[in-house]
Amino acid sequence: MSRFIIGSLLLAFAVAANAQGYPPPPPPGPVPNVHYGWAEVLRVDPVYGVAAQPPQQQCYPQTVTRQDDDHTGGTVLGAIVGGVLGSTVGHGRGRTAATVAGAVAGGAVGNQISAAHDQSYTTQQTVCQPVAYAPQQQIVGYDVEYRYRGDVYMSRLPYDPGERLRVRVTVAPAE
């Protein structure tokens, strides 16, 4: 029965250690002058950065009413008819003046007749507008203060280590 309890406790400890995001164990095989230990975590401060938002647009359909206001055909036709009618009046310079006056008057009348027959129509048009989002702050790392064998160290880590931090200790001659 006690083996079952001890095994359950070891399994629970292993699950808790993996849940805290500890780095994977070192690769198999001996590494000269290196050993691993556990340090006590004294403080963890999240480090925030601004997440860049790509420019975006919001598009939606919009009903647009358009007016067919091209009166060029009516104006030209009216000017021609008015000029022809004006040229039948008078002689010499009077005929030239009547032709010009008839063309001007005919153009104005033709323009008004065309305007009276304007047509409006509705159509769908896609309208897009830029959308600005407020910059989002997110955690980009953690500044961790920890104690190993009486000395205090600081490191920036990509994860929150929890209460304990696995450390790699390398021993080399001081030259």
N, C-alpha and C. Protein backbone atom coordinates (compact mmCIF):
# COMPACT_ATOMS: atom_id res chain seq x y z
N MET A 1 0.81 -1.19 0.00
CA MET A 1 0.00 0.00 0.00
C MET A 1 0.86 1.26 0.00
N SER A 2 1.96 1.24 0.76
CA SER A 2 2.83 2.42 0.82
C SER A 2 3.53 2.65 -0.51
N ARG A 3 3.83 1.58 -1.26
CA ARG A 3 4.44 1.75 -2.59
C ARG A 3 3.47 2.48 -3.52
N PHE A 4 2.19 2.14 -3.41
CA PHE A 4 1.17 2.81 -4.23
C PHE A 4 1.12 4.30 -3.92
N ILE A 5 1.17 4.66 -2.66
CA ILE A 5 1.12 6.07 -2.25
C ILE A 5 2.37 6.80 -2.72
N ILE A 6 3.54 6.18 -2.55
CA ILE A 6 4.78 6.82 -2.99
C ILE A 6 4.79 6.99 -4.50
N GLY A 7 4.35 5.96 -5.22
CA GLY A 7 4.29 6.06 -6.68
C GLY A 7 3.33 7.15 -7.13
N SER A 8 2.19 7.27 -6.46
CA SER A 8 1.22 8.31 -6.80
C SER A 8 1.78 9.69 -6.54
N LEU A 9 2.50 9.85 -5.44
CA LEU A 9 3.11 11.15 -5.13
C LEU A 9 4.18 11.51 -6.15
N LEU A 10 4.99 10.54 -6.56
CA LEU A 10 6.02 10.82 -7.58
C LEU A 10 5.38 11.19 -8.91
N LEU A 11 4.32 10.48 -9.28
CA LEU A 11 3.62 10.80 -10.52
C LEU A 11 3.02 12.20 -10.45
N ALA A 12 2.41 12.56 -9.33
CA ALA A 12 1.82 13.89 -9.17
C ALA A 12 2.90 14.97 -9.25
N PHE A 13 4.07 14.71 -8.65
CA PHE A 13 5.17 15.68 -8.72
C PHE A 13 5.67 15.84 -10.16
N ALA A 14 5.76 14.76 -10.91
CA ALA A 14 6.21 14.83 -12.30
C ALA A 14 5.22 15.61 -13.16
N VAL A 15 3.94 15.37 -12.94
CA VAL A 15 2.92 16.12 -13.70
C VAL A 15 2.99 17.60 -13.35
N ALA A 16 3.14 17.95 -12.08
CA ALA A 16 3.23 19.35 -11.67
C ALA A 16 4.48 20.01 -12.25
N ALA A 17 5.58 19.29 -12.29
CA ALA A 17 6.82 19.87 -12.84
C ALA A 17 6.66 20.14 -14.33
N ASN A 18 6.01 19.25 -15.06
CA ASN A 18 5.80 19.48 -16.49
C ASN A 18 4.82 20.61 -16.73
N ALA A 19 3.84 20.78 -15.88
CA ALA A 19 2.85 21.84 -16.05
C ALA A 19 3.45 23.21 -15.83
N GLN A 20 4.56 23.32 -15.11
CA GLN A 20 5.16 24.62 -14.85
C GLN A 20 6.07 25.08 -15.98
N GLY A 21 6.22 24.31 -17.02
CA GLY A 21 6.99 24.74 -18.19
C GLY A 21 8.49 24.64 -18.02
N TYR A 22 8.96 23.69 -17.27
CA TYR A 22 10.39 23.53 -17.13
C TYR A 22 11.00 23.09 -18.45
N PRO A 23 12.23 23.49 -18.73
CA PRO A 23 12.86 23.08 -19.98
C PRO A 23 13.09 21.57 -19.97
N PRO A 24 13.22 20.99 -21.14
CA PRO A 24 13.43 19.55 -21.22
C PRO A 24 14.77 19.17 -20.60
N PRO A 25 14.91 17.92 -20.18
CA PRO A 25 16.18 17.49 -19.59
C PRO A 25 17.29 17.53 -20.63
N PRO A 26 18.52 17.54 -20.18
CA PRO A 26 19.64 17.60 -21.13
C PRO A 26 19.68 16.33 -21.98
N PRO A 27 20.36 16.40 -23.13
CA PRO A 27 20.47 15.22 -23.98
C PRO A 27 21.23 14.11 -23.25
N PRO A 28 20.95 12.87 -23.61
CA PRO A 28 21.64 11.77 -22.93
C PRO A 28 23.14 11.78 -23.21
N GLY A 29 23.87 11.23 -22.31
CA GLY A 29 25.32 11.17 -22.48
C GLY A 29 26.01 12.16 -21.56
N PRO A 30 27.19 11.85 -21.17
CA PRO A 30 27.90 12.75 -20.24
C PRO A 30 28.38 14.01 -20.93
N VAL A 31 28.20 15.13 -20.24
CA VAL A 31 28.73 16.42 -20.69
C VAL A 31 29.79 16.80 -19.67
N PRO A 32 31.00 16.98 -20.11
CA PRO A 32 32.08 17.24 -19.14
C PRO A 32 31.89 18.57 -18.42
N ASN A 33 32.17 18.55 -17.13
CA ASN A 33 32.15 19.73 -16.26
C ASN A 33 30.80 20.45 -16.19
N VAL A 34 29.70 19.72 -16.39
CA VAL A 34 28.37 20.31 -16.32
C VAL A 34 27.51 19.46 -15.41
N HIS A 35 26.76 20.12 -14.55
CA HIS A 35 25.74 19.43 -13.78
C HIS A 35 24.54 20.36 -13.61
N TYR A 36 23.46 19.82 -13.13
CA TYR A 36 22.21 20.57 -13.02
C TYR A 36 21.77 20.64 -11.57
N GLY A 37 21.10 21.72 -11.25
CA GLY A 37 20.59 21.90 -9.90
C GLY A 37 19.29 22.69 -9.94
N TRP A 38 18.78 22.97 -8.75
CA TRP A 38 17.53 23.73 -8.64
C TRP A 38 17.78 25.01 -7.88
N ALA A 39 17.24 26.11 -8.41
CA ALA A 39 17.37 27.41 -7.75
C ALA A 39 16.00 27.84 -7.25
N GLU A 40 16.00 28.60 -6.18
CA GLU A 40 14.76 29.14 -5.63
C GLU A 40 14.42 30.43 -6.37
N VAL A 41 13.22 30.52 -6.91
CA VAL A 41 12.77 31.73 -7.61
C VAL A 41 12.32 32.74 -6.57
N LEU A 42 12.92 33.93 -6.63
CA LEU A 42 12.59 34.99 -5.67
C LEU A 42 11.51 35.93 -6.21
N ARG A 43 11.59 36.23 -7.50
CA ARG A 43 10.64 37.20 -8.09
C ARG A 43 10.52 36.93 -9.58
N VAL A 44 9.30 37.10 -10.11
CA VAL A 44 9.03 36.97 -11.55
C VAL A 44 8.25 38.21 -11.98
N ASP A 45 8.82 38.97 -12.91
CA ASP A 45 8.16 40.17 -13.43
C ASP A 45 7.87 39.97 -14.91
N PRO A 46 6.60 40.06 -15.33
CA PRO A 46 6.30 39.94 -16.75
C PRO A 46 6.86 41.15 -17.52
N VAL A 47 7.34 40.90 -18.72
CA VAL A 47 7.85 41.95 -19.60
C VAL A 47 6.84 42.12 -20.73
N TYR A 48 6.34 43.34 -20.90
CA TYR A 48 5.30 43.60 -21.90
C TYR A 48 5.90 44.24 -23.13
N GLY A 49 5.31 43.91 -24.25
CA GLY A 49 5.67 44.52 -25.53
C GLY A 49 4.39 44.83 -26.28
N VAL A 50 4.51 45.67 -27.29
CA VAL A 50 3.35 46.05 -28.08
C VAL A 50 3.27 45.14 -29.30
N ALA A 51 2.15 44.51 -29.47
CA ALA A 51 1.93 43.65 -30.62
C ALA A 51 1.53 44.52 -31.80
N ALA A 52 2.25 44.41 -32.90
CA ALA A 52 1.95 45.21 -34.08
C ALA A 52 0.72 44.65 -34.78
N GLN A 53 -0.22 45.52 -35.09
CA GLN A 53 -1.43 45.12 -35.81
C GLN A 53 -1.24 45.49 -37.28
N PRO A 54 -1.45 44.55 -38.18
CA PRO A 54 -1.36 44.90 -39.60
C PRO A 54 -2.51 45.83 -39.99
N PRO A 55 -2.27 46.72 -40.95
CA PRO A 55 -3.36 47.62 -41.36
C PRO A 55 -4.51 46.80 -41.93
N GLN A 56 -5.72 47.18 -41.55
CA GLN A 56 -6.90 46.45 -42.00
C GLN A 56 -7.92 47.41 -42.54
N GLN A 57 -8.85 46.87 -43.34
CA GLN A 57 -9.93 47.65 -43.89
C GLN A 57 -11.25 46.98 -43.56
N GLN A 58 -12.27 47.79 -43.41
CA GLN A 58 -13.61 47.28 -43.22
C GLN A 58 -14.39 47.65 -44.46
N CYS A 59 -14.91 46.64 -45.17
CA CYS A 59 -15.64 46.88 -46.41
C CYS A 59 -17.10 46.46 -46.23
N TYR A 60 -17.99 47.21 -46.86
CA TYR A 60 -19.41 46.90 -46.79
C TYR A 60 -20.08 47.40 -48.06
N PRO A 61 -21.19 46.76 -48.45
CA PRO A 61 -21.92 47.23 -49.64
C PRO A 61 -22.76 48.45 -49.30
N GLN A 62 -22.85 49.36 -50.26
CA GLN A 62 -23.63 50.57 -50.05
C GLN A 62 -24.46 50.82 -51.32
N THR A 63 -25.74 51.15 -51.14
CA THR A 63 -26.60 51.47 -52.28
C THR A 63 -26.36 52.91 -52.67
N VAL A 64 -26.10 53.12 -53.97
CA VAL A 64 -25.78 54.45 -54.48
C VAL A 64 -26.79 54.79 -55.58
N THR A 65 -27.38 55.98 -55.54
CA THR A 65 -28.28 56.45 -56.59
C THR A 65 -27.48 57.38 -57.50
N ARG A 66 -27.53 57.07 -58.78
CA ARG A 66 -26.78 57.87 -59.77
C ARG A 66 -27.77 58.53 -60.74
N GLN A 67 -27.39 59.70 -61.24
CA GLN A 67 -28.21 60.48 -62.16
C GLN A 67 -27.51 60.48 -63.52
N ASP A 68 -28.25 60.14 -64.56
CA ASP A 68 -27.71 60.21 -65.93
C ASP A 68 -27.89 61.64 -66.40
N ASP A 69 -26.85 62.46 -66.25
CA ASP A 69 -26.99 63.88 -66.56
C ASP A 69 -26.11 64.31 -67.73
N ASP A 70 -25.97 63.45 -68.71
CA ASP A 70 -25.20 63.80 -69.90
C ASP A 70 -26.15 64.43 -70.91
N HIS A 71 -26.11 65.74 -71.01
CA HIS A 71 -27.01 66.49 -71.90
C HIS A 71 -26.34 66.86 -73.21
N THR A 72 -25.19 66.32 -73.48
CA THR A 72 -24.43 66.71 -74.67
C THR A 72 -25.22 66.45 -75.95
N GLY A 73 -25.85 65.28 -76.03
CA GLY A 73 -26.62 64.94 -77.25
C GLY A 73 -27.74 65.92 -77.50
N GLY A 74 -28.52 66.26 -76.46
CA GLY A 74 -29.64 67.20 -76.62
C GLY A 74 -29.16 68.60 -76.96
N THR A 75 -28.05 69.01 -76.36
CA THR A 75 -27.53 70.35 -76.63
C THR A 75 -27.05 70.46 -78.08
N VAL A 76 -26.32 69.50 -78.55
CA VAL A 76 -25.79 69.52 -79.92
C VAL A 76 -26.94 69.45 -80.93
N LEU A 77 -27.88 68.54 -80.69
CA LEU A 77 -29.02 68.42 -81.62
C LEU A 77 -29.83 69.70 -81.65
N GLY A 78 -30.06 70.31 -80.48
CA GLY A 78 -30.81 71.57 -80.43
C GLY A 78 -30.07 72.69 -81.13
N ALA A 79 -28.73 72.74 -81.00
CA ALA A 79 -27.95 73.78 -81.66
C ALA A 79 -28.02 73.61 -83.18
N ILE A 80 -27.98 72.38 -83.66
CA ILE A 80 -28.05 72.15 -85.11
C ILE A 80 -29.41 72.58 -85.65
N VAL A 81 -30.48 72.12 -84.97
CA VAL A 81 -31.82 72.48 -85.43
C VAL A 81 -32.02 73.99 -85.35
N GLY A 82 -31.59 74.60 -84.26
CA GLY A 82 -31.72 76.06 -84.13
C GLY A 82 -30.91 76.81 -85.19
N GLY A 83 -29.72 76.32 -85.49
CA GLY A 83 -28.89 76.96 -86.53
C GLY A 83 -29.52 76.85 -87.90
N VAL A 84 -30.08 75.69 -88.21
CA VAL A 84 -30.75 75.51 -89.52
C VAL A 84 -31.96 76.43 -89.62
N LEU A 85 -32.77 76.48 -88.57
CA LEU A 85 -33.94 77.36 -88.61
C LEU A 85 -33.53 78.83 -88.68
N GLY A 86 -32.48 79.20 -87.95
CA GLY A 86 -32.02 80.59 -87.98
C GLY A 86 -31.46 80.98 -89.34
N SER A 87 -30.87 80.04 -90.06
CA SER A 87 -30.30 80.36 -91.37
C SER A 87 -31.37 80.62 -92.42
N THR A 88 -32.61 80.27 -92.15
CA THR A 88 -33.69 80.54 -93.11
C THR A 88 -34.25 81.95 -92.96
N VAL A 89 -33.80 82.67 -91.97
CA VAL A 89 -34.32 84.01 -91.71
C VAL A 89 -33.28 85.03 -92.18
N GLY A 90 -33.71 86.04 -92.86
CA GLY A 90 -32.88 87.17 -93.24
C GLY A 90 -31.94 86.88 -94.39
N HIS A 91 -31.12 87.99 -94.73
CA HIS A 91 -30.16 87.92 -95.80
C HIS A 91 -28.84 88.50 -95.33
N GLY A 92 -27.72 88.03 -95.90
CA GLY A 92 -26.40 88.59 -95.62
C GLY A 92 -25.98 88.39 -94.19
N ARG A 93 -25.56 89.59 -93.64
CA ARG A 93 -25.09 89.50 -92.24
C ARG A 93 -26.24 89.19 -91.28
N GLY A 94 -27.43 89.54 -91.59
CA GLY A 94 -28.58 89.24 -90.75
C GLY A 94 -28.82 87.74 -90.68
N ARG A 95 -28.54 87.05 -91.81
CA ARG A 95 -28.72 85.60 -91.82
C ARG A 95 -27.67 84.94 -90.92
N THR A 96 -26.45 85.45 -90.97
CA THR A 96 -25.39 84.89 -90.12
C THR A 96 -25.73 85.10 -88.65
N ALA A 97 -26.21 86.28 -88.31
CA ALA A 97 -26.58 86.56 -86.92
C ALA A 97 -27.76 85.69 -86.50
N ALA A 98 -28.73 85.50 -87.39
CA ALA A 98 -29.88 84.67 -87.07
C ALA A 98 -29.45 83.21 -86.91
N THR A 99 -28.49 82.76 -87.70
CA THR A 99 -28.00 81.38 -87.59
C THR A 99 -27.33 81.17 -86.23
N VAL A 100 -26.49 82.13 -85.83
CA VAL A 100 -25.79 82.03 -84.55
C VAL A 100 -26.80 82.08 -83.41
N ALA A 101 -27.76 83.01 -83.47
CA ALA A 101 -28.75 83.13 -82.42
C ALA A 101 -29.62 81.88 -82.36
N GLY A 102 -29.96 81.33 -83.52
CA GLY A 102 -30.76 80.10 -83.56
C GLY A 102 -30.00 78.93 -82.96
N ALA A 103 -28.70 78.83 -83.23
CA ALA A 103 -27.89 77.74 -82.69
C ALA A 103 -27.80 77.84 -81.17
N VAL A 104 -27.60 79.06 -80.65
CA VAL A 104 -27.50 79.26 -79.20
C VAL A 104 -28.84 78.93 -78.54
N ALA A 105 -29.92 79.46 -79.09
CA ALA A 105 -31.24 79.21 -78.51
C ALA A 105 -31.60 77.73 -78.64
N GLY A 106 -31.32 77.13 -79.77
CA GLY A 106 -31.62 75.71 -79.97
C GLY A 106 -30.82 74.83 -79.02
N GLY A 107 -29.55 75.19 -78.77
CA GLY A 107 -28.72 74.42 -77.82
C GLY A 107 -29.28 74.50 -76.42
N ALA A 108 -29.73 75.68 -76.00
CA ALA A 108 -30.30 75.85 -74.67
C ALA A 108 -31.60 75.05 -74.53
N VAL A 109 -32.46 75.11 -75.56
CA VAL A 109 -33.72 74.37 -75.51
C VAL A 109 -33.44 72.87 -75.52
N GLY A 110 -32.51 72.41 -76.35
CA GLY A 110 -32.17 70.98 -76.41
C GLY A 110 -31.60 70.48 -75.09
N ASN A 111 -30.81 71.31 -74.42
CA ASN A 111 -30.25 70.95 -73.12
C ASN A 111 -31.37 70.78 -72.09
N GLN A 112 -32.34 71.69 -72.08
CA GLN A 112 -33.43 71.61 -71.12
C GLN A 112 -34.32 70.40 -71.40
N ILE A 113 -34.55 70.10 -72.66
CA ILE A 113 -35.36 68.92 -72.99
C ILE A 113 -34.64 67.64 -72.54
N SER A 114 -33.32 67.58 -72.76
CA SER A 114 -32.54 66.42 -72.31
C SER A 114 -32.59 66.30 -70.79
N ALA A 115 -32.50 67.44 -70.08
CA ALA A 115 -32.51 67.42 -68.62
C ALA A 115 -33.85 66.92 -68.10
N ALA A 116 -34.92 67.21 -68.80
CA ALA A 116 -36.24 66.77 -68.36
C ALA A 116 -36.38 65.25 -68.48
N HIS A 117 -35.57 64.64 -69.33
CA HIS A 117 -35.65 63.19 -69.54
C HIS A 117 -34.51 62.44 -68.86
N ASP A 118 -33.84 63.09 -67.90
CA ASP A 118 -32.78 62.40 -67.15
C ASP A 118 -33.36 61.20 -66.41
N GLN A 119 -32.54 60.18 -66.28
CA GLN A 119 -32.97 59.00 -65.56
C GLN A 119 -32.01 58.78 -64.39
N SER A 120 -32.59 58.35 -63.27
CA SER A 120 -31.75 57.99 -62.14
C SER A 120 -31.85 56.49 -61.95
N TYR A 121 -30.79 55.91 -61.43
CA TYR A 121 -30.77 54.47 -61.19
C TYR A 121 -29.94 54.20 -59.94
N THR A 122 -30.23 53.07 -59.30
CA THR A 122 -29.49 52.70 -58.10
C THR A 122 -28.62 51.49 -58.41
N THR A 123 -27.51 51.43 -57.73
CA THR A 123 -26.56 50.34 -57.90
C THR A 123 -25.87 50.06 -56.57
N GLN A 124 -25.29 48.88 -56.45
CA GLN A 124 -24.52 48.53 -55.24
C GLN A 124 -23.05 48.84 -55.49
N GLN A 125 -22.43 49.44 -54.51
CA GLN A 125 -21.01 49.79 -54.60
C GLN A 125 -20.35 49.36 -53.30
N THR A 126 -19.16 48.73 -53.42
CA THR A 126 -18.42 48.32 -52.22
C THR A 126 -17.57 49.50 -51.75
N VAL A 127 -17.76 49.85 -50.49
CA VAL A 127 -17.03 50.97 -49.89
C VAL A 127 -16.11 50.40 -48.81
N CYS A 128 -14.84 50.78 -48.83
CA CYS A 128 -13.87 50.30 -47.84
C CYS A 128 -13.29 51.50 -47.09
N GLN A 129 -13.11 51.30 -45.78
CA GLN A 129 -12.51 52.33 -44.94
C GLN A 129 -11.43 51.71 -44.09
N PRO A 130 -10.32 52.42 -43.88
CA PRO A 130 -9.28 51.87 -42.99
C PRO A 130 -9.77 51.84 -41.55
N VAL A 131 -9.39 50.80 -40.85
CA VAL A 131 -9.78 50.63 -39.45
C VAL A 131 -8.52 50.65 -38.60
N ALA A 132 -8.50 51.49 -37.61
CA ALA A 132 -7.34 51.59 -36.71
C ALA A 132 -7.69 50.93 -35.39
N TYR A 133 -6.87 49.98 -34.99
CA TYR A 133 -7.06 49.31 -33.71
C TYR A 133 -6.03 49.84 -32.72
N ALA A 134 -6.43 49.91 -31.47
CA ALA A 134 -5.50 50.33 -30.42
C ALA A 134 -4.41 49.27 -30.29
N PRO A 135 -3.16 49.68 -30.09
CA PRO A 135 -2.09 48.69 -29.94
C PRO A 135 -2.37 47.78 -28.74
N GLN A 136 -2.08 46.51 -28.90
CA GLN A 136 -2.31 45.53 -27.85
C GLN A 136 -1.00 45.22 -27.14
N GLN A 137 -1.01 45.29 -25.81
CA GLN A 137 0.17 44.89 -25.05
C GLN A 137 0.05 43.42 -24.72
N GLN A 138 1.16 42.71 -24.87
CA GLN A 138 1.18 41.31 -24.52
C GLN A 138 2.49 40.97 -23.84
N ILE A 139 2.50 39.88 -23.10
CA ILE A 139 3.71 39.45 -22.40
C ILE A 139 4.67 38.83 -23.41
N VAL A 140 5.91 39.36 -23.44
CA VAL A 140 6.92 38.85 -24.37
C VAL A 140 8.00 38.06 -23.64
N GLY A 141 7.99 38.06 -22.32
CA GLY A 141 8.97 37.31 -21.55
C GLY A 141 8.79 37.60 -20.06
N TYR A 142 9.72 37.03 -19.27
CA TYR A 142 9.66 37.21 -17.82
C TYR A 142 11.07 37.50 -17.31
N ASP A 143 11.21 38.54 -16.49
CA ASP A 143 12.46 38.80 -15.79
C ASP A 143 12.39 38.02 -14.48
N VAL A 144 13.32 37.07 -14.32
CA VAL A 144 13.28 36.15 -13.18
C VAL A 144 14.49 36.39 -12.30
N GLU A 145 14.25 36.62 -11.02
CA GLU A 145 15.33 36.73 -10.03
C GLU A 145 15.31 35.43 -9.22
N TYR A 146 16.48 34.77 -9.13
CA TYR A 146 16.53 33.49 -8.43
C TYR A 146 17.83 33.38 -7.63
N ARG A 147 17.80 32.48 -6.65
CA ARG A 147 18.95 32.27 -5.77
C ARG A 147 19.44 30.84 -5.95
N TYR A 148 20.76 30.73 -6.20
CA TYR A 148 21.38 29.41 -6.30
C TYR A 148 22.61 29.41 -5.41
N ARG A 149 22.60 28.53 -4.41
CA ARG A 149 23.70 28.39 -3.44
C ARG A 149 24.12 29.72 -2.82
N GLY A 150 23.12 30.52 -2.45
CA GLY A 150 23.39 31.75 -1.74
C GLY A 150 23.59 32.97 -2.62
N ASP A 151 23.83 32.81 -3.90
CA ASP A 151 24.01 33.95 -4.81
C ASP A 151 22.70 34.21 -5.57
N VAL A 152 22.45 35.49 -5.85
CA VAL A 152 21.22 35.90 -6.53
C VAL A 152 21.56 36.24 -7.98
N TYR A 153 20.74 35.74 -8.91
CA TYR A 153 20.95 35.94 -10.35
C TYR A 153 19.66 36.46 -10.98
N MET A 154 19.80 37.08 -12.16
CA MET A 154 18.65 37.56 -12.94
C MET A 154 18.77 37.00 -14.35
N SER A 155 17.65 36.58 -14.90
CA SER A 155 17.61 36.11 -16.29
C SER A 155 16.25 36.48 -16.88
N ARG A 156 16.24 36.69 -18.18
CA ARG A 156 14.96 36.87 -18.89
C ARG A 156 14.63 35.55 -19.57
N LEU A 157 13.45 35.03 -19.26
CA LEU A 157 13.02 33.74 -19.77
C LEU A 157 11.75 33.90 -20.59
N PRO A 158 11.51 32.99 -21.53
CA PRO A 158 10.27 33.06 -22.32
C PRO A 158 9.07 32.46 -21.59
N TYR A 159 9.26 31.95 -20.37
CA TYR A 159 8.18 31.32 -19.62
C TYR A 159 8.30 31.68 -18.14
N ASP A 160 7.20 31.53 -17.41
CA ASP A 160 7.19 31.74 -15.96
C ASP A 160 7.63 30.43 -15.31
N PRO A 161 8.77 30.41 -14.60
CA PRO A 161 9.29 29.15 -14.10
C PRO A 161 8.56 28.61 -12.86
N GLY A 162 7.76 29.39 -12.21
CA GLY A 162 7.11 28.91 -10.99
C GLY A 162 7.99 29.19 -9.78
N GLU A 163 7.98 28.28 -8.79
CA GLU A 163 8.71 28.50 -7.54
C GLU A 163 10.16 28.06 -7.61
N ARG A 164 10.45 27.14 -8.53
CA ARG A 164 11.82 26.64 -8.66
C ARG A 164 12.24 26.71 -10.11
N LEU A 165 13.55 26.87 -10.31
CA LEU A 165 14.11 26.98 -11.66
C LEU A 165 15.26 26.01 -11.80
N ARG A 166 15.20 25.20 -12.81
CA ARG A 166 16.30 24.27 -13.07
C ARG A 166 17.44 25.06 -13.70
N VAL A 167 18.65 24.90 -13.16
CA VAL A 167 19.81 25.65 -13.66
C VAL A 167 20.90 24.66 -14.09
N ARG A 168 21.67 25.09 -15.06
CA ARG A 168 22.82 24.32 -15.53
C ARG A 168 24.07 24.98 -14.96
N VAL A 169 24.88 24.20 -14.31
CA VAL A 169 26.11 24.71 -13.68
C VAL A 169 27.28 24.16 -14.45
N THR A 170 28.10 25.06 -14.94
CA THR A 170 29.28 24.68 -15.71
C THR A 170 30.52 25.07 -14.91
N VAL A 171 31.45 24.16 -14.83
CA VAL A 171 32.68 24.42 -14.09
C VAL A 171 33.82 24.44 -15.10
N ALA A 172 34.58 25.55 -15.04
CA ALA A 172 35.73 25.69 -15.94
C ALA A 172 36.84 26.42 -15.16
N PRO A 173 38.07 26.15 -15.51
CA PRO A 173 39.16 26.84 -14.82
C PRO A 173 39.15 28.33 -15.11
N ALA A 174 39.44 29.13 -14.11
CA ALA A 174 39.56 30.58 -14.29
C ALA A 174 40.99 30.87 -14.69
N GLU A 175 41.16 31.49 -15.78
CA GLU A 175 42.52 31.75 -16.27
C GLU A 175 42.90 33.18 -16.10
